[in-house]
């Protein structure tokens, strides 16, 4: 099954890098928005998550705040 995955991140965020590495390792295609440089993406992220912390990961409309490998595996059907 193909999932619609979007990650809102910043270039200096360690957990954002971990999430993106997790996606690459598991062959998950994703769209990335740098909320440090893109005000529209930042506003979209806040609308979805109601906060400014990153990463915010949207999987098929389900919002994940932070990097939790088990939650992501479950949402993506990887386990």
C-alpha atoms as a PDB file:
ATOM      1  CA  UNK A   1       0.000   0.000   0.000  1.00  0.00           C
ATOM      2  CA  UNK A   2       1.255   3.449  -0.885  1.00  0.00           C
ATOM      3  CA  UNK A   3       0.911   6.081   1.795  1.00  0.00           C
ATOM      4  CA  UNK A   4       0.800   9.851   1.444  1.00  0.00           C
ATOM      5  CA  UNK A   5       3.617  10.968   3.776  1.00  0.00           C
ATOM      6  CA  UNK A   6       4.666  14.551   4.477  1.00  0.00           C
ATOM      7  CA  UNK A   7       7.326  15.611   6.962  1.00  0.00           C
ATOM      8  CA  UNK A   8       7.657  19.158   8.253  1.00  0.00           C
ATOM      9  CA  UNK A   9      11.230  19.661   9.426  1.00  0.00           C
ATOM     10  CA  UNK A  10      14.154  22.009   9.924  1.00  0.00           C
ATOM     11  CA  UNK A  11      17.734  21.463   8.708  1.00  0.00           C
ATOM     12  CA  UNK A  12      19.161  21.304  12.259  1.00  0.00           C
ATOM     13  CA  UNK A  13      16.594  18.925  13.789  1.00  0.00           C
ATOM     14  CA  UNK A  14      18.166  15.607  14.844  1.00  0.00           C
ATOM     15  CA  UNK A  15      14.790  13.837  15.122  1.00  0.00           C
ATOM     16  CA  UNK A  16      13.836  15.062  11.639  1.00  0.00           C
ATOM     17  CA  UNK A  17      17.018  13.465  10.265  1.00  0.00           C
ATOM     18  CA  UNK A  18      16.224  10.230  12.121  1.00  0.00           C
ATOM     19  CA  UNK A  19      12.696  10.169  10.661  1.00  0.00           C
ATOM     20  CA  UNK A  20      13.955  10.765   7.121  1.00  0.00           C
ATOM     21  CA  UNK A  21      16.585   8.012   7.529  1.00  0.00           C
ATOM     22  CA  UNK A  22      13.835   5.689   8.795  1.00  0.00           C
ATOM     23  CA  UNK A  23      11.715   6.461   5.700  1.00  0.00           C
ATOM     24  CA  UNK A  24      14.645   5.863   3.335  1.00  0.00           C
ATOM     25  CA  UNK A  25      15.603   2.599   5.054  1.00  0.00           C
ATOM     26  CA  UNK A  26      12.018   1.344   4.727  1.00  0.00           C
ATOM     27  CA  UNK A  27      11.460   2.573   1.159  1.00  0.00           C
ATOM     28  CA  UNK A  28       8.807   5.117   2.191  1.00  0.00           C
ATOM     29  CA  UNK A  29       8.400   7.973  -0.268  1.00  0.00           C
ATOM     30  CA  UNK A  30       7.713  11.306   1.386  1.00  0.00           C
ATOM     31  CA  UNK A  31       7.372  15.004   0.723  1.00  0.00           C
ATOM     32  CA  UNK A  32       9.530  17.276   2.867  1.00  0.00           C
ATOM     33  CA  UNK A  33       8.835  20.866   3.866  1.00  0.00           C
ATOM     34  CA  UNK A  34      11.547  22.979   5.532  1.00  0.00           C
ATOM     35  CA  UNK A  35       9.509  25.069   7.951  1.00  0.00           C
ATOM     36  CA  UNK A  36      12.535  27.214   8.812  1.00  0.00           C
ATOM     37  CA  UNK A  37      12.567  28.597   5.253  1.00  0.00           C
ATOM     38  CA  UNK A  38       8.947  28.181   4.119  1.00  0.00           C
ATOM     39  CA  UNK A  39       6.424  30.288   6.046  1.00  0.00           C
ATOM     40  CA  UNK A  40       3.431  28.776   4.223  1.00  0.00           C
ATOM     41  CA  UNK A  41       4.577  25.258   5.146  1.00  0.00           C
ATOM     42  CA  UNK A  42       5.133  26.380   8.752  1.00  0.00           C
ATOM     43  CA  UNK A  43       1.578  27.746   8.913  1.00  0.00           C
ATOM     44  CA  UNK A  44       0.236  24.515   7.396  1.00  0.00           C
ATOM     45  CA  UNK A  45       2.178  22.483  10.004  1.00  0.00           C
ATOM     46  CA  UNK A  46       0.785  24.575  12.880  1.00  0.00           C
ATOM     47  CA  UNK A  47      -2.749  24.209  11.486  1.00  0.00           C
ATOM     48  CA  UNK A  48      -2.321  20.420  11.487  1.00  0.00           C
ATOM     49  CA  UNK A  49      -0.439  19.945  14.767  1.00  0.00           C
ATOM     50  CA  UNK A  50      -1.342  23.087  16.783  1.00  0.00           C
ATOM     51  CA  UNK A  51       2.308  23.566  17.779  1.00  0.00           C
ATOM     52  CA  UNK A  52       5.735  24.570  16.434  1.00  0.00           C
ATOM     53  CA  UNK A  53       7.856  21.537  17.384  1.00  0.00           C
ATOM     54  CA  UNK A  54       9.371  19.416  14.617  1.00  0.00           C
ATOM     55  CA  UNK A  55       9.208  16.930  13.119  1.00  0.00           C
ATOM     56  CA  UNK A  56       5.536  16.862  12.339  1.00  0.00           C
ATOM     57  CA  UNK A  57       4.741  13.863  10.160  1.00  0.00           C
ATOM     58  CA  UNK A  58       1.469  13.524   8.284  1.00  0.00           C
ATOM     59  CA  UNK A  59       0.691   9.954   7.189  1.00  0.00           C
ATOM     60  CA  UNK A  60      -2.574   9.816   5.241  1.00  0.00           C
ATOM     61  CA  UNK A  61      -3.950  12.643   7.395  1.00  0.00           C
ATOM     62  CA  UNK A  62      -2.813  11.109  10.693  1.00  0.00           C
ATOM     63  CA  UNK A  63      -0.527  13.555  12.500  1.00  0.00           C
ATOM     64  CA  UNK A  64       2.571  12.398  14.391  1.00  0.00           C
ATOM     65  CA  UNK A  65       4.580  14.911  16.417  1.00  0.00           C
ATOM     66  CA  UNK A  66       8.186  13.909  16.994  1.00  0.00           C
ATOM     67  CA  UNK A  67       9.923  10.709  15.921  1.00  0.00           C
ATOM     68  CA  UNK A  68       8.429   7.536  17.374  1.00  0.00           C
ATOM     69  CA  UNK A  69       9.607   4.555  15.356  1.00  0.00           C
ATOM     70  CA  UNK A  70       6.899   2.189  16.659  1.00  0.00           C
ATOM     71  CA  UNK A  71       4.053   4.611  15.885  1.00  0.00           C
ATOM     72  CA  UNK A  72       5.399   5.212  12.383  1.00  0.00           C
ATOM     73  CA  UNK A  73       5.848   1.480  11.745  1.00  0.00           C
ATOM     74  CA  UNK A  74       2.263   0.864  12.816  1.00  0.00           C
ATOM     75  CA  UNK A  75       0.814   3.706  10.722  1.00  0.00           C
ATOM     76  CA  UNK A  76       2.776   2.573   7.665  1.00  0.00           C
ATOM     77  CA  UNK A  77       1.944  -1.127   8.159  1.00  0.00           C
ATOM     78  CA  UNK A  78       5.602  -2.083   8.539  1.00  0.00           C
ATOM     79  CA  UNK A  79       5.054  -4.532  11.385  1.00  0.00           C
END
